[in-house]
Amino acid sequence: MEKNYSKAQLEDKALKSASMYFGRELLPYLGINSRIIRLLPTEQIRLEAVRANEDLLFEMEDGTLAHFEFESVEVTRNDLYRFRAYDAYTGMQYKKAVTTYVLCSGKTGKIHSKLKEGINIYQIIPLQMKEKDADRLFCELKVKAQKRNLLKKDLAPLLLTPLMGGESNVKDRIRRAGKMLDTEADGLSKEEKQCMEAVLYAFACKFLKKHELSEIKEAFSMTVLGEMIWSDGEKKGIEKGIEALILDNLEEGILRDKILLKLVQRFDLTQEQAITYFNRFSGKQAERY
């Protein structure tokens, strides 16, 4: 029997796929040569019901655990206290040594990597991406794409562009990387594209504000990942609601700008998306008569 998944369950499935892809394909790019065995739960619940959520946790083939955190602003002493608490409980639970890697974006400021208190020393391994230029990478990949189909090994660094240095903002990088995967990566299988898009979507969930994430969801709605998360039925249902609002308001003589405002507020659209829908459905007003 076919399984019925809710949108939240499908998003969770996509993010887990992103985690596995990150561990298998991107760790070598970051200089971490030990292979992962499996993805471990990132939510640790202690008896006092304090919930500790790690970003990523892998069991490695050398018998250790690799704990990853992503930071875009700075790594403070308070962050080190938090990471140390994660590692202490995780190490106790699995009876394994834990190494914490903090993947820092191009905008990360001061990085505290060591916490010394009394005779105890706790430290992380910061992985800084600001020396790599995302905009230059996009240009290099575009040139390669014009000569031949891009291979997976060429595209892997593309997934880390949200963390790199450069002039463009994170939202535009995620959108541009997603578009390149959709249009230039003909040599990839559908499953590989889905996993790579899921990594980008995971970074979007981590770093973008709510209104920016809404724009990214719209951009991803027609990709392989979007087909999995947002069903055609759900999209058609939303568009029916948008169409009804536009036509009903036009019938009542509501001005275009006010209709656009309602679309933005009620359906969480961008101004550009609202205009596109208005132009698409407003011509149907005459069909009612």
C-alpha atoms as a PDB file:
ATOM      1  CA  MET A   1       0.000   0.000   0.000  1.00  0.00           C
ATOM      2  CA  GLU A   2       1.271   3.481  -0.897  1.00  0.00           C
ATOM      3  CA  LYS A   3       2.329   5.553   2.095  1.00  0.00           C
ATOM      4  CA  ASN A   4       0.692   8.936   2.755  1.00  0.00           C
ATOM      5  CA  TYR A   5       3.178  11.543   3.948  1.00  0.00           C
ATOM      6  CA  SER A   6       2.345  14.965   5.348  1.00  0.00           C
ATOM      7  CA  LYS A   7       4.294  17.983   4.075  1.00  0.00           C
ATOM      8  CA  ALA A   8       6.184  18.167   7.401  1.00  0.00           C
ATOM      9  CA  GLN A   9       7.164  14.488   7.147  1.00  0.00           C
ATOM     10  CA  LEU A  10       8.370  14.961   3.578  1.00  0.00           C
ATOM     11  CA  GLU A  11      10.408  18.028   4.537  1.00  0.00           C
ATOM     12  CA  ASP A  12      11.961  16.009   7.373  1.00  0.00           C
ATOM     13  CA  LYS A  13      12.757  13.216   4.920  1.00  0.00           C
ATOM     14  CA  ALA A  14      14.368  15.731   2.548  1.00  0.00           C
ATOM     15  CA  LEU A  15      16.529  17.222   5.298  1.00  0.00           C
ATOM     16  CA  LYS A  16      17.689  13.754   6.377  1.00  0.00           C
ATOM     17  CA  SER A  17      18.657  13.041   2.769  1.00  0.00           C
ATOM     18  CA  ALA A  18      20.599  16.312   2.810  1.00  0.00           C
ATOM     19  CA  SER A  19      22.452  15.233   5.957  1.00  0.00           C
ATOM     20  CA  MET A  20      23.489  11.897   4.463  1.00  0.00           C
ATOM     21  CA  TYR A  21      24.614  13.539   1.230  1.00  0.00           C
ATOM     22  CA  PHE A  22      26.581  16.136   3.180  1.00  0.00           C
ATOM     23  CA  GLY A  23      28.355  13.396   5.113  1.00  0.00           C
ATOM     24  CA  ARG A  24      29.180  11.215   2.122  1.00  0.00           C
ATOM     25  CA  GLU A  25      30.071  13.765  -0.539  1.00  0.00           C
ATOM     26  CA  LEU A  26      31.225  16.961   1.182  1.00  0.00           C
ATOM     27  CA  LEU A  27      33.385  15.807   4.113  1.00  0.00           C
ATOM     28  CA  PRO A  28      36.346  14.987   1.809  1.00  0.00           C
ATOM     29  CA  TYR A  29      36.023  18.484   0.296  1.00  0.00           C
ATOM     30  CA  LEU A  30      36.379  19.863   3.836  1.00  0.00           C
ATOM     31  CA  GLY A  31      39.506  17.785   4.477  1.00  0.00           C
ATOM     32  CA  ILE A  32      37.824  15.167   6.700  1.00  0.00           C
ATOM     33  CA  ASN A  33      38.929  11.797   5.347  1.00  0.00           C
ATOM     34  CA  SER A  34      37.218   9.364   7.726  1.00  0.00           C
ATOM     35  CA  ARG A  35      34.094   7.852   6.143  1.00  0.00           C
ATOM     36  CA  ILE A  36      30.695   7.943   7.854  1.00  0.00           C
ATOM     37  CA  ILE A  37      28.838   4.746   8.769  1.00  0.00           C
ATOM     38  CA  ARG A  38      25.448   6.230   9.588  1.00  0.00           C
ATOM     39  CA  LEU A  39      23.558   9.367  10.550  1.00  0.00           C
ATOM     40  CA  LEU A  40      22.690   9.551  14.250  1.00  0.00           C
ATOM     41  CA  PRO A  41      19.767  11.379  15.941  1.00  0.00           C
ATOM     42  CA  THR A  42      20.567  15.037  16.557  1.00  0.00           C
ATOM     43  CA  GLU A  43      17.960  15.554  19.287  1.00  0.00           C
ATOM     44  CA  GLN A  44      19.259  14.538  22.708  1.00  0.00           C
ATOM     45  CA  ILE A  45      16.658  14.549  25.510  1.00  0.00           C
ATOM     46  CA  ARG A  46      17.881  14.337  29.092  1.00  0.00           C
ATOM     47  CA  LEU A  47      15.741  13.256  32.054  1.00  0.00           C
ATOM     48  CA  GLU A  48      15.024  16.837  33.066  1.00  0.00           C
ATOM     49  CA  ALA A  49      13.439  17.259  29.618  1.00  0.00           C
ATOM     50  CA  VAL A  50      16.054  19.688  28.344  1.00  0.00           C
ATOM     51  CA  ARG A  51      16.113  19.332  24.576  1.00  0.00           C
ATOM     52  CA  ALA A  52      19.512  19.681  22.893  1.00  0.00           C
ATOM     53  CA  ASN A  53      19.423  19.942  19.106  1.00  0.00           C
ATOM     54  CA  GLU A  54      22.670  19.434  17.224  1.00  0.00           C
ATOM     55  CA  ASP A  55      22.926  20.344  13.559  1.00  0.00           C
ATOM     56  CA  LEU A  56      24.492  17.077  12.345  1.00  0.00           C
ATOM     57  CA  LEU A  57      25.836  13.974  14.053  1.00  0.00           C
ATOM     58  CA  PHE A  58      27.609  11.114  12.258  1.00  0.00           C
ATOM     59  CA  GLU A  59      29.115   7.830  13.377  1.00  0.00           C
ATOM     60  CA  MET A  60      32.458   7.428  11.585  1.00  0.00           C
ATOM     61  CA  GLU A  61      34.206   4.239  10.474  1.00  0.00           C
ATOM     62  CA  ASP A  62      37.091   4.887  12.907  1.00  0.00           C
ATOM     63  CA  GLY A  63      34.659   4.452  15.814  1.00  0.00           C
ATOM     64  CA  THR A  64      34.313   8.142  16.699  1.00  0.00           C
ATOM     65  CA  LEU A  65      31.397  10.560  16.367  1.00  0.00           C
ATOM     66  CA  ALA A  66      31.578  13.700  14.207  1.00  0.00           C
ATOM     67  CA  HIS A  67      29.355  16.524  15.459  1.00  0.00           C
ATOM     68  CA  PHE A  68      28.763  19.449  13.048  1.00  0.00           C
ATOM     69  CA  GLU A  69      27.415  22.908  13.790  1.00  0.00           C
ATOM     70  CA  PHE A  70      26.835  25.740  11.290  1.00  0.00           C
ATOM     71  CA  GLU A  71      27.418  29.338  12.381  1.00  0.00           C
ATOM     72  CA  SER A  72      26.946  32.510  10.327  1.00  0.00           C
ATOM     73  CA  VAL A  73      27.645  35.313  12.827  1.00  0.00           C
ATOM     74  CA  GLU A  74      30.343  34.374  15.348  1.00  0.00           C
ATOM     75  CA  VAL A  75      31.387  31.547  17.655  1.00  0.00           C
ATOM     76  CA  THR A  76      31.210  32.794  21.245  1.00  0.00           C
ATOM     77  CA  ARG A  77      32.211  31.315  24.575  1.00  0.00           C
ATOM     78  CA  ASN A  78      28.517  30.653  25.200  1.00  0.00           C
ATOM     79  CA  ASP A  79      28.466  28.595  21.998  1.00  0.00           C
ATOM     80  CA  LEU A  80      31.415  26.570  23.309  1.00  0.00           C
ATOM     81  CA  TYR A  81      29.566  25.905  26.578  1.00  0.00           C
ATOM     82  CA  ARG A  82      26.601  24.680  24.527  1.00  0.00           C
ATOM     83  CA  PHE A  83      28.716  22.493  22.240  1.00  0.00           C
ATOM     84  CA  ARG A  84      30.567  21.038  25.231  1.00  0.00           C
ATOM     85  CA  ALA A  85      27.250  20.098  26.836  1.00  0.00           C
ATOM     86  CA  TYR A  86      26.103  18.428  23.602  1.00  0.00           C
ATOM     87  CA  ASP A  87      29.345  16.460  23.317  1.00  0.00           C
ATOM     88  CA  ALA A  88      29.419  15.401  26.970  1.00  0.00           C
ATOM     89  CA  TYR A  89      25.932  13.921  26.835  1.00  0.00           C
ATOM     90  CA  THR A  90      26.321  12.461  23.331  1.00  0.00           C
ATOM     91  CA  GLY A  91      29.645  10.847  24.281  1.00  0.00           C
ATOM     92  CA  MET A  92      28.083   9.397  27.434  1.00  0.00           C
ATOM     93  CA  GLN A  93      25.091   8.054  25.498  1.00  0.00           C
ATOM     94  CA  TYR A  94      27.075   6.345  22.725  1.00  0.00           C
ATOM     95  CA  LYS A  95      30.272   5.668  24.738  1.00  0.00           C
ATOM     96  CA  LYS A  96      32.353   7.138  21.924  1.00  0.00           C
ATOM     97  CA  ALA A  97      34.732  10.063  21.467  1.00  0.00           C
ATOM     98  CA  VAL A  98      33.099  13.146  19.906  1.00  0.00           C
ATOM     99  CA  THR A  99      34.855  15.658  17.651  1.00  0.00           C
ATOM    100  CA  THR A 100      32.985  18.898  16.982  1.00  0.00           C
ATOM    101  CA  TYR A 101      33.451  20.740  13.702  1.00  0.00           C
ATOM    102  CA  VAL A 102      31.961  24.224  13.339  1.00  0.00           C
ATOM    103  CA  LEU A 103      31.415  25.211   9.731  1.00  0.00           C
ATOM    104  CA  CYS A 104      31.666  29.003   9.665  1.00  0.00           C
ATOM    105  CA  SER A 105      30.190  31.123   6.884  1.00  0.00           C
ATOM    106  CA  GLY A 106      31.960  33.940   5.088  1.00  0.00           C
ATOM    107  CA  LYS A 107      30.294  36.460   7.397  1.00  0.00           C
ATOM    108  CA  THR A 108      31.309  34.764  10.649  1.00  0.00           C
ATOM    109  CA  GLY A 109      33.168  37.220  12.872  1.00  0.00           C
ATOM    110  CA  LYS A 110      35.259  36.299  15.887  1.00  0.00           C
ATOM    111  CA  ILE A 111      35.689  32.574  16.429  1.00  0.00           C
ATOM    112  CA  HIS A 112      36.361  31.149  19.887  1.00  0.00           C
ATOM    113  CA  SER A 113      37.701  27.628  19.380  1.00  0.00           C
ATOM    114  CA  LYS A 114      38.999  26.719  22.847  1.00  0.00           C
ATOM    115  CA  LEU A 115      37.440  26.819  26.312  1.00  0.00           C
ATOM    116  CA  LYS A 116      39.873  26.460  29.232  1.00  0.00           C
ATOM    117  CA  GLU A 117      38.490  26.185  32.764  1.00  0.00           C
ATOM    118  CA  GLY A 118      40.644  24.887  35.609  1.00  0.00           C
ATOM    119  CA  ILE A 119      42.396  21.733  34.431  1.00  0.00           C
ATOM    120  CA  ASN A 120      39.844  21.096  31.672  1.00  0.00           C
ATOM    121  CA  ILE A 121      40.249  22.157  28.055  1.00  0.00           C
ATOM    122  CA  TYR A 122      37.464  21.849  25.458  1.00  0.00           C
ATOM    123  CA  GLN A 123      38.044  22.753  21.827  1.00  0.00           C
ATOM    124  CA  ILE A 124      36.364  22.605  18.470  1.00  0.00           C
ATOM    125  CA  ILE A 125      37.706  22.464  14.928  1.00  0.00           C
ATOM    126  CA  PRO A 126      36.510  25.549  13.024  1.00  0.00           C
ATOM    127  CA  LEU A 127      36.155  25.124   9.264  1.00  0.00           C
ATOM    128  CA  GLN A 128      36.233  28.584   7.692  1.00  0.00           C
ATOM    129  CA  MET A 129      34.821  29.107   4.216  1.00  0.00           C
ATOM    130  CA  LYS A 130      35.352  32.860   3.823  1.00  0.00           C
ATOM    131  CA  GLU A 131      38.549  32.416   1.806  1.00  0.00           C
ATOM    132  CA  LYS A 132      36.509  30.776  -0.979  1.00  0.00           C
ATOM    133  CA  ASP A 133      34.626  33.161  -3.280  1.00  0.00           C
ATOM    134  CA  ALA A 134      31.101  31.944  -4.116  1.00  0.00           C
ATOM    135  CA  ASP A 135      30.657  34.385  -7.000  1.00  0.00           C
ATOM    136  CA  ARG A 136      33.903  33.274  -8.629  1.00  0.00           C
ATOM    137  CA  LEU A 137      32.854  29.621  -8.253  1.00  0.00           C
ATOM    138  CA  PHE A 138      29.533  30.294  -9.993  1.00  0.00           C
ATOM    139  CA  CYS A 139      31.407  31.862 -12.922  1.00  0.00           C
ATOM    140  CA  GLU A 140      33.858  28.948 -13.143  1.00  0.00           C
ATOM    141  CA  LEU A 141      31.047  26.388 -13.139  1.00  0.00           C
ATOM    142  CA  LYS A 142      29.161  28.358 -15.799  1.00  0.00           C
ATOM    143  CA  VAL A 143      32.219  28.198 -18.070  1.00  0.00           C
ATOM    144  CA  LYS A 144      32.537  24.443 -17.490  1.00  0.00           C
ATOM    145  CA  ALA A 145      28.836  23.967 -18.188  1.00  0.00           C
ATOM    146  CA  GLN A 146      29.195  25.666 -21.574  1.00  0.00           C
ATOM    147  CA  LYS A 147      31.881  23.153 -22.567  1.00  0.00           C
ATOM    148  CA  ARG A 148      30.338  19.914 -21.244  1.00  0.00           C
ATOM    149  CA  ASN A 149      27.865  18.523 -18.716  1.00  0.00           C
ATOM    150  CA  LEU A 150      28.937  19.223 -15.175  1.00  0.00           C
ATOM    151  CA  LEU A 151      29.911  16.176 -13.122  1.00  0.00           C
ATOM    152  CA  LYS A 152      28.942  15.549  -9.503  1.00  0.00           C
ATOM    153  CA  LYS A 153      32.497  16.282  -8.336  1.00  0.00           C
ATOM    154  CA  ASP A 154      32.310  19.685 -10.062  1.00  0.00           C
ATOM    155  CA  LEU A 155      28.969  20.487  -8.454  1.00  0.00           C
ATOM    156  CA  ALA A 156      29.750  19.393  -4.882  1.00  0.00           C
ATOM    157  CA  PRO A 157      31.410  22.732  -3.914  1.00  0.00           C
ATOM    158  CA  LEU A 158      28.316  24.499  -5.275  1.00  0.00           C
ATOM    159  CA  LEU A 159      26.389  23.238  -2.251  1.00  0.00           C
ATOM    160  CA  LEU A 160      28.710  25.111   0.108  1.00  0.00           C
ATOM    161  CA  THR A 161      28.304  28.491  -1.598  1.00  0.00           C
ATOM    162  CA  PRO A 162      25.903  29.729   1.150  1.00  0.00           C
ATOM    163  CA  LEU A 163      28.873  29.503   3.546  1.00  0.00           C
ATOM    164  CA  MET A 164      31.548  31.034   1.317  1.00  0.00           C
ATOM    165  CA  GLY A 165      32.806  34.588   0.989  1.00  0.00           C
ATOM    166  CA  GLY A 166      31.782  36.906  -1.852  1.00  0.00           C
ATOM    167  CA  GLU A 167      29.584  39.909  -2.603  1.00  0.00           C
ATOM    168  CA  SER A 168      26.232  38.171  -3.221  1.00  0.00           C
ATOM    169  CA  ASN A 169      23.833  37.382  -0.371  1.00  0.00           C
ATOM    170  CA  VAL A 170      22.940  33.907   0.889  1.00  0.00           C
ATOM    171  CA  LYS A 171      19.402  33.900  -0.548  1.00  0.00           C
ATOM    172  CA  ASP A 172      20.638  34.712  -4.062  1.00  0.00           C
ATOM    173  CA  ARG A 173      23.366  32.062  -3.832  1.00  0.00           C
ATOM    174  CA  ILE A 174      20.881  29.359  -2.849  1.00  0.00           C
ATOM    175  CA  ARG A 175      18.534  30.409  -5.637  1.00  0.00           C
ATOM    176  CA  ARG A 176      21.382  30.518  -8.192  1.00  0.00           C
ATOM    177  CA  ALA A 177      22.817  27.165  -7.069  1.00  0.00           C
ATOM    178  CA  GLY A 178      19.369  25.564  -7.275  1.00  0.00           C
ATOM    179  CA  LYS A 179      18.862  26.920 -10.784  1.00  0.00           C
ATOM    180  CA  MET A 180      22.243  25.581 -11.895  1.00  0.00           C
ATOM    181  CA  LEU A 181      21.394  22.125 -10.542  1.00  0.00           C
ATOM    182  CA  ASP A 182      18.084  22.268 -12.377  1.00  0.00           C
ATOM    183  CA  THR A 183      19.387  23.451 -15.753  1.00  0.00           C
ATOM    184  CA  GLU A 184      23.070  22.522 -16.027  1.00  0.00           C
ATOM    185  CA  ALA A 185      23.405  19.161 -14.238  1.00  0.00           C
ATOM    186  CA  ASP A 186      22.088  16.819 -16.918  1.00  0.00           C
ATOM    187  CA  GLY A 187      24.598  14.139 -15.963  1.00  0.00           C
ATOM    188  CA  LEU A 188      23.060  13.636 -12.516  1.00  0.00           C
ATOM    189  CA  SER A 189      20.331  11.159 -11.684  1.00  0.00           C
ATOM    190  CA  LYS A 190      17.001  12.327 -10.286  1.00  0.00           C
ATOM    191  CA  GLU A 191      17.982  10.984  -6.849  1.00  0.00           C
ATOM    192  CA  GLU A 192      21.332  12.813  -6.899  1.00  0.00           C
ATOM    193  CA  LYS A 193      19.644  16.079  -7.860  1.00  0.00           C
ATOM    194  CA  GLN A 194      17.108  15.626  -5.073  1.00  0.00           C
ATOM    195  CA  CYS A 195      19.841  15.070  -2.473  1.00  0.00           C
ATOM    196  CA  MET A 196      21.850  18.064  -3.643  1.00  0.00           C
ATOM    197  CA  GLU A 197      18.793  20.317  -3.684  1.00  0.00           C
ATOM    198  CA  ALA A 198      17.981  19.083  -0.179  1.00  0.00           C
ATOM    199  CA  VAL A 199      21.399  20.281   1.066  1.00  0.00           C
ATOM    200  CA  LEU A 200      20.684  23.763  -0.306  1.00  0.00           C
ATOM    201  CA  TYR A 201      17.206  23.727   1.210  1.00  0.00           C
ATOM    202  CA  ALA A 202      18.669  22.710   4.593  1.00  0.00           C
ATOM    203  CA  PHE A 203      21.013  25.721   4.477  1.00  0.00           C
ATOM    204  CA  ALA A 204      18.048  27.928   3.552  1.00  0.00           C
ATOM    205  CA  CYS A 205      16.153  26.703   6.629  1.00  0.00           C
ATOM    206  CA  LYS A 206      19.231  27.343   8.778  1.00  0.00           C
ATOM    207  CA  PHE A 207      20.268  30.807   7.595  1.00  0.00           C
ATOM    208  CA  LEU A 208      17.352  32.635   5.941  1.00  0.00           C
ATOM    209  CA  LYS A 209      14.612  34.747   7.488  1.00  0.00           C
ATOM    210  CA  LYS A 210      10.985  33.693   7.143  1.00  0.00           C
ATOM    211  CA  HIS A 211      10.147  35.931   4.168  1.00  0.00           C
ATOM    212  CA  GLU A 212      13.364  34.911   2.386  1.00  0.00           C
ATOM    213  CA  LEU A 213      12.620  31.226   2.976  1.00  0.00           C
ATOM    214  CA  SER A 214       9.187  31.728   1.441  1.00  0.00           C
ATOM    215  CA  GLU A 215      10.837  32.992  -1.756  1.00  0.00           C
ATOM    216  CA  ILE A 216      13.214  30.030  -1.825  1.00  0.00           C
ATOM    217  CA  LYS A 217      10.328  27.588  -1.384  1.00  0.00           C
ATOM    218  CA  GLU A 218       8.675  29.135  -4.426  1.00  0.00           C
ATOM    219  CA  ALA A 219      11.908  28.832  -6.418  1.00  0.00           C
ATOM    220  CA  PHE A 220      12.288  25.175  -5.410  1.00  0.00           C
ATOM    221  CA  SER A 221       8.649  24.282  -6.031  1.00  0.00           C
ATOM    222  CA  MET A 222       9.338  23.138  -9.612  1.00  0.00           C
ATOM    223  CA  THR A 223      12.549  21.208  -8.842  1.00  0.00           C
ATOM    224  CA  VAL A 224      12.936  17.488  -8.155  1.00  0.00           C
ATOM    225  CA  LEU A 225      12.928  18.228  -4.426  1.00  0.00           C
ATOM    226  CA  GLY A 226       9.866  20.443  -4.746  1.00  0.00           C
ATOM    227  CA  GLU A 227       7.977  17.679  -6.518  1.00  0.00           C
ATOM    228  CA  MET A 228       8.576  15.464  -3.496  1.00  0.00           C
ATOM    229  CA  ILE A 229       7.647  18.000  -0.805  1.00  0.00           C
ATOM    230  CA  TRP A 230       4.899  20.040  -2.408  1.00  0.00           C
ATOM    231  CA  SER A 231       2.380  17.891  -4.248  1.00  0.00           C
ATOM    232  CA  ASP A 232       0.587  19.129  -7.350  1.00  0.00           C
ATOM    233  CA  GLY A 233      -2.688  18.864  -5.479  1.00  0.00           C
ATOM    234  CA  GLU A 234      -1.539  21.189  -2.724  1.00  0.00           C
ATOM    235  CA  LYS A 235      -0.210  23.726  -5.228  1.00  0.00           C
ATOM    236  CA  LYS A 236      -3.416  23.650  -7.269  1.00  0.00           C
ATOM    237  CA  GLY A 237      -5.451  24.114  -4.094  1.00  0.00           C
ATOM    238  CA  ILE A 238      -3.468  27.213  -3.148  1.00  0.00           C
ATOM    239  CA  GLU A 239      -3.759  28.627  -6.655  1.00  0.00           C
ATOM    240  CA  LYS A 240      -7.538  28.099  -6.589  1.00  0.00           C
ATOM    241  CA  GLY A 241      -7.672  30.206  -3.423  1.00  0.00           C
ATOM    242  CA  ILE A 242      -5.537  32.903  -5.022  1.00  0.00           C
ATOM    243  CA  GLU A 243      -7.734  32.949  -8.121  1.00  0.00           C
ATOM    244  CA  ALA A 244     -10.928  33.213  -6.043  1.00  0.00           C
ATOM    245  CA  LEU A 245      -9.532  36.126  -4.005  1.00  0.00           C
ATOM    246  CA  ILE A 246      -8.499  38.043  -7.131  1.00  0.00           C
ATOM    247  CA  LEU A 247     -11.788  37.549  -8.976  1.00  0.00           C
ATOM    248  CA  ASP A 248     -13.993  38.257  -5.944  1.00  0.00           C
ATOM    249  CA  ASN A 249     -12.107  41.454  -5.143  1.00  0.00           C
ATOM    250  CA  LEU A 250     -12.211  42.663  -8.743  1.00  0.00           C
ATOM    251  CA  GLU A 251     -15.949  42.026  -8.789  1.00  0.00           C
ATOM    252  CA  GLU A 252     -16.295  44.227  -5.698  1.00  0.00           C
ATOM    253  CA  GLY A 253     -14.271  46.997  -7.340  1.00  0.00           C
ATOM    254  CA  ILE A 254     -11.191  46.663  -5.105  1.00  0.00           C
ATOM    255  CA  LEU A 255      -8.138  48.385  -6.543  1.00  0.00           C
ATOM    256  CA  ARG A 256      -5.230  46.357  -7.904  1.00  0.00           C
ATOM    257  CA  ASP A 257      -2.716  47.530  -5.274  1.00  0.00           C
ATOM    258  CA  LYS A 258      -5.013  46.491  -2.420  1.00  0.00           C
ATOM    259  CA  ILE A 259      -5.545  43.074  -4.013  1.00  0.00           C
ATOM    260  CA  LEU A 260      -1.790  42.622  -4.337  1.00  0.00           C
ATOM    261  CA  LEU A 261      -1.362  43.513  -0.658  1.00  0.00           C
ATOM    262  CA  LYS A 262      -3.961  40.899   0.322  1.00  0.00           C
ATOM    263  CA  LEU A 263      -2.186  38.269  -1.764  1.00  0.00           C
ATOM    264  CA  VAL A 264       1.145  39.021  -0.103  1.00  0.00           C
ATOM    265  CA  GLN A 265      -0.342  38.905   3.404  1.00  0.00           C
ATOM    266  CA  ARG A 266      -2.721  35.951   3.078  1.00  0.00           C
ATOM    267  CA  PHE A 267      -0.650  33.632   0.907  1.00  0.00           C
ATOM    268  CA  ASP A 268       2.850  34.636   2.051  1.00  0.00           C
ATOM    269  CA  LEU A 269       3.844  35.684  -1.483  1.00  0.00           C
ATOM    270  CA  THR A 270       6.489  38.113  -2.654  1.00  0.00           C
ATOM    271  CA  GLN A 271       5.337  41.248  -4.482  1.00  0.00           C
ATOM    272  CA  GLU A 272       6.590  39.790  -7.780  1.00  0.00           C
ATOM    273  CA  GLN A 273       4.679  36.530  -7.226  1.00  0.00           C
ATOM    274  CA  ALA A 274       1.505  38.450  -6.364  1.00  0.00           C
ATOM    275  CA  ILE A 275       1.783  40.501  -9.583  1.00  0.00           C
ATOM    276  CA  THR A 276       2.326  37.329 -11.640  1.00  0.00           C
ATOM    277  CA  TYR A 277      -0.797  35.697 -10.190  1.00  0.00           C
ATOM    278  CA  PHE A 278      -2.834  38.895 -10.611  1.00  0.00           C
ATOM    279  CA  ASN A 279      -1.901  39.174 -14.289  1.00  0.00           C
ATOM    280  CA  ARG A 280      -2.628  35.481 -14.778  1.00  0.00           C
ATOM    281  CA  PHE A 281      -6.117  35.425 -13.238  1.00  0.00           C
ATOM    282  CA  SER A 282      -7.479  38.974 -13.663  1.00  0.00           C
ATOM    283  CA  GLY A 283      -8.282  38.308 -17.309  1.00  0.00           C
ATOM    284  CA  LYS A 284     -10.810  35.681 -16.226  1.00  0.00           C
ATOM    285  CA  GLN A 285     -13.103  38.283 -14.659  1.00  0.00           C
ATOM    286  CA  ALA A 286     -15.043  38.713 -17.902  1.00  0.00           C
ATOM    287  CA  GLU A 287     -15.668  34.952 -18.073  1.00  0.00           C
ATOM    288  CA  ARG A 288     -17.971  35.231 -15.045  1.00  0.00           C
ATOM    289  CA  TYR A 289     -20.535  37.165 -17.006  1.00  0.00           C
END
